[in-house]
Amino acid sequence: MREELLKDYYNEFKTLTAICRTNTSWLKGDYPELEIGKIYHITHISVRKSASFILLSEFGLDKEYLAGCFEIFEKGISIDKVYTKDLRFWAPCHSVRCRERNPNFDVDYTKKYEIPEHLHSIEQINNVKILFAVESGSRAWGFESKDSDWDIRFIFVHKLEWYFKVEEQRDTIEYIYNDRLDLVGLDLKKALSLLSKCNPSVLEWLNSPIVYRQDEFFCKRIDGVVDHYINPIKLMYHYNQIYKKHNERYLQQEGYPMKRFLYYLRGILACKWIELYMSLPPIPFKELVAATVEEDGIMSAIDELIQIKRDEKECDMLVVNEALVEYAKQWDEYFNDKIDSFRPELTSVSTDALDSILFDMVLLHSDFTKTRG
């Protein structure tokens, strides 16, 4: 194969293998040299509009094979159902044309195709129903970098019989795809238990501005009770620990990854919000800033920092505006002192409403019942 064709149409990989399913191709004719059931090593892959092709180390660069004749694996894990949706495998010339037409193509494609495909795959593999899936982290906060990961968080429900096991069952699902998509899910019972204790992470999920999947019945039920489980003192303890951790671990030198300062500042401003409004802080960072920062100069410095973060890479180092650092340190010390005067409430809120949600959602999504009636 000519070098220019290889460059325009193929992506080189060292982590892909393929098991031959058939040696008869509807497009290229028969492949008598292939042995059905044998594992082959893929050197190059090309996903095109009408079909996908691979090159195998066993047969060199001059013989391309229709990918549909194989089951494809990456690092030993089958990606057969999703590889055509993965932009890494698209023919380079096809990817270039897509990006020329739409500068936001990668983001749009990930949200519209890749994430829904992976959520569906998780359901099939684990025999669960995903009730709610959202973005968390920097993309939800609105200050992601060009190379930020996707932090997808979801709540799922098992079939009825799963909840009647003598042995304790694993109640989380963790799935990282191509070091870019990080999907973590909680079983409904675990998620509701954490919610009953005012877990900030679960509360943030339920309020994320970027939603990939939502069961309307579940969301309506949760929306009706979630405010009963918000404890401002517990929330302030959480965000105080967030900014203290980032200060101690990352901010004790002149230059540091700019995302660490933004995480630090978000924790401080979350404490300001809670002091003012006694409720969960807004997830979009700009909304949090607008509601808690009064000084125009500080607000401008934060806006500038967010823009730099969005334009640069995730771990780029930065010397932060001196006035902004001083502003953050003052509020850091203020809330460190204030938190010492707080004592978490010992009273607990009834879980009856959450028990009812768990009961109804398990029944609704078990085999023997298809409707709430």
Foldseek 3Di string as FASTA:
>chain_A
DDPVCCQQFKFFDFFKKWAFQAQADPVPGGNVVDDHRDIFTWGIKEQEDPFIWTDTPVPDDPDIDTRVRIQMDGNRHTCRQPPNLDPSRHRNNVVVVQCVVPVCRVVVSCLPPVVVSVVVVVCVVVVKAWAWKFWADPVLQQQAAPQAATEIETEIEHAPVVVVDPDDDDFKDWDDDPVRYTYIYGYLVVLLVCLLQQNLVSVCRLQGPGIRHHDVVLNVLCVVCSQVRHALLVLLVVLLVQLVVLCVPFVPDQKWFLVSVVSNQQSLLQNQCCVVPVGGAHRHNLSSCVVRPDDPVLNVQVVVSSVVSHHDDRTDMDRGDPVNVVVSVVSSVVSVVVSVPDDGDPDGDDCPSSVVSSVQVNQCPHDVHPDSD
